[in-house]
Amino acid sequence: MDRTLYRLHYQVECFCHDLRRFRAAATRYDKTATCYLAVLHVPSMLLWLH
């Protein structure tokens, strides 16, 4: 078991869990991938600033 790889995996899992708190990102209302990526950017920025 590689500790650094496990730590990175844990951080990604926690980020995905936090991202699902935002309803538009969790339910994916947007039809195009570009719009969905824009929806993911806004909560990502908010989580990063927090």
Protein backbone atom coordinates (compact mmCIF):
# COMPACT_ATOMS: atom_id res chain seq x y z
CA MET A 1 0.00 0.00 0.00
CA ASP A 2 1.42 3.33 -1.09
CA ARG A 3 0.65 6.03 1.48
CA THR A 4 0.90 8.96 -0.93
CA LEU A 5 -1.40 7.31 -3.44
CA TYR A 6 -3.90 6.47 -0.71
CA ARG A 7 -3.80 10.07 0.59
CA LEU A 8 -4.46 11.43 -2.89
CA HIS A 9 -7.32 8.97 -3.37
CA TYR A 10 -8.84 10.07 -0.05
CA GLN A 11 -8.63 13.75 -0.99
CA VAL A 12 -10.35 13.12 -4.31
CA GLU A 13 -13.11 11.12 -2.59
CA CYS A 14 -13.67 13.90 -0.04
CA PHE A 15 -13.79 16.51 -2.80
CA CYS A 16 -16.39 14.51 -4.73
CA HIS A 17 -18.45 14.16 -1.57
CA ASP A 18 -18.30 17.91 -0.94
CA LEU A 19 -19.15 18.61 -4.56
CA ARG A 20 -22.37 16.60 -4.31
CA ARG A 21 -23.73 19.10 -1.79
CA PHE A 22 -24.36 21.40 -4.74
CA ARG A 23 -27.59 20.20 -6.31
CA ALA A 24 -26.90 21.23 -9.91
CA ALA A 25 -23.63 19.31 -9.90
CA ALA A 26 -25.11 16.24 -8.26
CA THR A 27 -28.15 15.90 -10.50
CA ARG A 28 -26.60 17.12 -13.76
CA TYR A 29 -29.41 19.15 -15.25
CA ASP A 30 -27.26 20.45 -18.12
CA LYS A 31 -27.37 18.63 -21.41
CA THR A 32 -23.95 19.49 -22.83
CA ALA A 33 -20.60 18.61 -21.35
CA THR A 34 -19.42 22.22 -21.61
CA CYS A 35 -22.30 23.52 -19.50
CA TYR A 36 -21.82 20.76 -16.95
CA LEU A 37 -18.12 21.60 -16.71
CA ALA A 38 -19.05 25.22 -16.02
CA VAL A 39 -21.41 24.04 -13.27
CA LEU A 40 -18.55 22.06 -11.74
CA HIS A 41 -16.18 25.03 -11.83
CA VAL A 42 -18.32 27.27 -9.62
CA PRO A 43 -18.67 24.86 -6.66
CA SER A 44 -15.02 23.87 -7.07
CA MET A 45 -13.96 27.48 -6.70
CA LEU A 46 -16.21 27.92 -3.67
CA LEU A 47 -14.81 24.80 -2.01
CA TRP A 48 -11.26 25.88 -2.80
CA LEU A 49 -11.84 29.36 -1.30
CA HIS A 50 -13.43 27.91 1.80
